[in-house]
Amino acid sequence: MRTLKEAKVGERVRVVKLHGEGAVKRRMMDMGITKGAEILVRRLAPLGDPIELNLRGYELSVRKADAEMIEIV
């Protein structure tokens, strides 16, 4: 299983599954991180957290702890 936390800058990935439960999972889905969504990893903050993403035509910053719950291919 590979997670979004492991993706490199400039890499395009596709969401396979969202792990987690309750409000956290719902919040990610509300932000557009759903099964099949294509994500471009734009850059990392200087200390590596958060990760800046581009998906569905907008930019989004996600903490590494949340990125670890997103399974990708």
N, C-alpha and C. Protein backbone atom coordinates (compact mmCIF):
# COMPACT_ATOMS: atom_id res chain seq x y z
N MET A 1 0.85 -1.19 0.00
CA MET A 1 0.00 0.00 0.00
C MET A 1 0.89 1.24 0.00
N ARG A 2 0.66 2.11 -0.95
CA ARG A 2 1.40 3.37 -1.06
C ARG A 2 0.47 4.52 -0.70
N THR A 3 0.97 5.47 0.09
CA THR A 3 0.13 6.58 0.50
C THR A 3 0.60 7.89 -0.11
N LEU A 4 -0.24 8.90 -0.05
CA LEU A 4 0.08 10.21 -0.59
C LEU A 4 1.30 10.82 0.10
N LYS A 5 1.53 10.46 1.33
CA LYS A 5 2.69 10.96 2.07
C LYS A 5 4.00 10.56 1.38
N GLU A 6 4.01 9.44 0.67
CA GLU A 6 5.21 8.93 0.01
C GLU A 6 5.41 9.47 -1.40
N ALA A 7 4.45 10.20 -1.94
CA ALA A 7 4.54 10.73 -3.30
C ALA A 7 5.59 11.83 -3.38
N LYS A 8 6.26 11.92 -4.51
CA LYS A 8 7.32 12.91 -4.73
C LYS A 8 6.75 14.17 -5.38
N VAL A 9 7.45 15.28 -5.22
CA VAL A 9 7.04 16.55 -5.83
C VAL A 9 7.04 16.39 -7.35
N GLY A 10 5.98 16.88 -8.00
CA GLY A 10 5.84 16.79 -9.45
C GLY A 10 5.15 15.52 -9.93
N GLU A 11 4.86 14.62 -9.04
CA GLU A 11 4.25 13.34 -9.39
C GLU A 11 2.72 13.47 -9.46
N ARG A 12 2.14 12.82 -10.47
CA ARG A 12 0.68 12.74 -10.59
C ARG A 12 0.25 11.37 -10.09
N VAL A 13 -0.72 11.36 -9.19
CA VAL A 13 -1.19 10.11 -8.61
C VAL A 13 -2.71 10.06 -8.66
N ARG A 14 -3.25 8.87 -8.46
CA ARG A 14 -4.70 8.69 -8.44
C ARG A 14 -5.09 8.05 -7.10
N VAL A 15 -6.17 8.55 -6.51
CA VAL A 15 -6.63 8.04 -5.22
C VAL A 15 -7.31 6.69 -5.42
N VAL A 16 -6.89 5.71 -4.62
CA VAL A 16 -7.48 4.37 -4.67
C VAL A 16 -8.49 4.21 -3.55
N LYS A 17 -8.11 4.67 -2.34
CA LYS A 17 -8.97 4.48 -1.19
C LYS A 17 -8.64 5.51 -0.11
N LEU A 18 -9.66 5.90 0.63
CA LEU A 18 -9.47 6.77 1.80
C LEU A 18 -9.59 5.92 3.05
N HIS A 19 -8.57 5.95 3.87
CA HIS A 19 -8.63 5.26 5.15
C HIS A 19 -9.04 6.29 6.19
N GLY A 20 -9.28 5.87 7.38
CA GLY A 20 -9.76 6.80 8.40
C GLY A 20 -11.26 6.65 8.53
N GLU A 21 -11.82 7.43 9.44
CA GLU A 21 -13.26 7.29 9.69
C GLU A 21 -13.83 8.59 10.21
N GLY A 22 -15.14 8.65 10.20
CA GLY A 22 -15.85 9.77 10.79
C GLY A 22 -15.58 11.11 10.14
N ALA A 23 -15.40 12.12 10.98
CA ALA A 23 -15.28 13.51 10.53
C ALA A 23 -14.05 13.73 9.66
N VAL A 24 -12.96 13.05 9.95
CA VAL A 24 -11.73 13.23 9.17
C VAL A 24 -11.94 12.77 7.74
N LYS A 25 -12.50 11.59 7.57
CA LYS A 25 -12.77 11.05 6.23
C LYS A 25 -13.77 11.94 5.49
N ARG A 26 -14.80 12.38 6.17
CA ARG A 26 -15.82 13.24 5.57
C ARG A 26 -15.21 14.57 5.10
N ARG A 27 -14.31 15.13 5.92
CA ARG A 27 -13.66 16.40 5.57
C ARG A 27 -12.81 16.25 4.31
N MET A 28 -12.07 15.14 4.21
CA MET A 28 -11.26 14.90 3.01
C MET A 28 -12.14 14.75 1.78
N MET A 29 -13.24 14.04 1.92
CA MET A 29 -14.16 13.87 0.79
C MET A 29 -14.77 15.21 0.39
N ASP A 30 -15.09 16.04 1.35
CA ASP A 30 -15.64 17.38 1.07
C ASP A 30 -14.64 18.25 0.32
N MET A 31 -13.34 18.02 0.54
CA MET A 31 -12.29 18.79 -0.14
C MET A 31 -12.01 18.25 -1.54
N GLY A 32 -12.68 17.18 -1.94
CA GLY A 32 -12.53 16.64 -3.28
C GLY A 32 -11.61 15.45 -3.38
N ILE A 33 -11.09 14.99 -2.25
CA ILE A 33 -10.22 13.81 -2.25
C ILE A 33 -11.10 12.58 -2.16
N THR A 34 -11.47 12.06 -3.33
CA THR A 34 -12.35 10.90 -3.41
C THR A 34 -11.70 9.85 -4.28
N LYS A 35 -12.23 8.64 -4.24
CA LYS A 35 -11.71 7.54 -5.05
C LYS A 35 -11.70 7.95 -6.52
N GLY A 36 -10.56 7.76 -7.19
CA GLY A 36 -10.43 8.07 -8.60
C GLY A 36 -9.94 9.48 -8.89
N ALA A 37 -9.87 10.34 -7.89
CA ALA A 37 -9.42 11.72 -8.11
C ALA A 37 -7.93 11.73 -8.46
N GLU A 38 -7.57 12.55 -9.45
CA GLU A 38 -6.17 12.68 -9.84
C GLU A 38 -5.57 13.86 -9.09
N ILE A 39 -4.40 13.65 -8.51
CA ILE A 39 -3.73 14.66 -7.69
C ILE A 39 -2.33 14.90 -8.20
N LEU A 40 -1.93 16.17 -8.28
CA LEU A 40 -0.56 16.55 -8.61
C LEU A 40 0.08 17.08 -7.33
N VAL A 41 1.21 16.50 -6.95
CA VAL A 41 1.93 16.97 -5.77
C VAL A 41 2.77 18.17 -6.22
N ARG A 42 2.39 19.37 -5.77
CA ARG A 42 3.04 20.61 -6.22
C ARG A 42 4.34 20.89 -5.48
N ARG A 43 4.31 20.87 -4.17
CA ARG A 43 5.52 21.14 -3.39
C ARG A 43 5.31 20.79 -1.93
N LEU A 44 6.45 20.78 -1.21
CA LEU A 44 6.44 20.53 0.22
C LEU A 44 6.85 21.80 0.94
N ALA A 45 6.34 22.00 2.12
CA ALA A 45 6.77 23.12 2.96
C ALA A 45 8.23 22.88 3.34
N PRO A 46 8.95 23.93 3.75
CA PRO A 46 10.37 23.78 4.09
C PRO A 46 10.68 22.65 5.07
N LEU A 47 9.84 22.41 6.03
CA LEU A 47 10.07 21.33 6.98
C LEU A 47 9.33 20.04 6.59
N GLY A 48 8.74 20.04 5.38
CA GLY A 48 8.09 18.83 4.87
C GLY A 48 6.62 18.68 5.22
N ASP A 49 6.08 19.59 5.99
CA ASP A 49 4.67 19.50 6.38
C ASP A 49 4.07 20.89 6.40
N PRO A 50 3.04 21.21 5.68
CA PRO A 50 2.15 20.35 4.90
C PRO A 50 2.64 20.12 3.47
N ILE A 51 1.84 19.35 2.74
CA ILE A 51 2.08 19.05 1.33
C ILE A 51 1.07 19.86 0.52
N GLU A 52 1.55 20.55 -0.52
CA GLU A 52 0.63 21.32 -1.36
C GLU A 52 0.25 20.49 -2.58
N LEU A 53 -1.04 20.36 -2.81
CA LEU A 53 -1.58 19.53 -3.88
C LEU A 53 -2.38 20.38 -4.86
N ASN A 54 -2.54 19.85 -6.06
CA ASN A 54 -3.43 20.46 -7.04
C ASN A 54 -4.38 19.35 -7.48
N LEU A 55 -5.68 19.57 -7.24
CA LEU A 55 -6.68 18.60 -7.67
C LEU A 55 -7.98 19.29 -8.01
N ARG A 56 -8.65 18.76 -9.01
CA ARG A 56 -9.95 19.28 -9.44
C ARG A 56 -9.92 20.79 -9.70
N GLY A 57 -8.77 21.30 -10.17
CA GLY A 57 -8.68 22.71 -10.55
C GLY A 57 -8.40 23.68 -9.43
N TYR A 58 -8.05 23.20 -8.25
CA TYR A 58 -7.69 24.12 -7.17
C TYR A 58 -6.53 23.56 -6.36
N GLU A 59 -5.92 24.43 -5.57
CA GLU A 59 -4.78 24.04 -4.74
C GLU A 59 -5.25 23.75 -3.32
N LEU A 60 -4.61 22.80 -2.70
CA LEU A 60 -5.00 22.35 -1.37
C LEU A 60 -3.75 21.96 -0.59
N SER A 61 -3.68 22.34 0.67
CA SER A 61 -2.59 21.91 1.53
C SER A 61 -3.12 20.87 2.50
N VAL A 62 -2.36 19.78 2.63
CA VAL A 62 -2.77 18.66 3.48
C VAL A 62 -1.62 18.31 4.42
N ARG A 63 -1.94 18.10 5.67
CA ARG A 63 -0.92 17.67 6.64
C ARG A 63 -0.47 16.26 6.31
N LYS A 64 0.77 15.95 6.67
CA LYS A 64 1.30 14.60 6.39
C LYS A 64 0.48 13.53 7.10
N ALA A 65 0.00 13.83 8.30
CA ALA A 65 -0.82 12.86 9.03
C ALA A 65 -2.08 12.51 8.24
N ASP A 66 -2.68 13.50 7.58
CA ASP A 66 -3.86 13.25 6.75
C ASP A 66 -3.47 12.56 5.44
N ALA A 67 -2.34 12.95 4.87
CA ALA A 67 -1.87 12.36 3.60
C ALA A 67 -1.59 10.87 3.78
N GLU A 68 -1.25 10.46 4.98
CA GLU A 68 -0.96 9.06 5.25
C GLU A 68 -2.21 8.19 5.15
N MET A 69 -3.39 8.80 5.23
CA MET A 69 -4.66 8.06 5.15
C MET A 69 -5.17 7.92 3.72
N ILE A 70 -4.45 8.49 2.75
CA ILE A 70 -4.90 8.47 1.36
C ILE A 70 -4.06 7.47 0.58
N GLU A 71 -4.67 6.37 0.19
CA GLU A 71 -3.97 5.33 -0.59
C GLU A 71 -3.99 5.71 -2.06
N ILE A 72 -2.82 5.60 -2.73
CA ILE A 72 -2.69 6.04 -4.12
C ILE A 72 -2.06 4.97 -5.00
N VAL A 73 -2.16 5.20 -6.31
CA VAL A 73 -1.40 4.42 -7.30
C VAL A 73 -0.71 5.41 -8.23
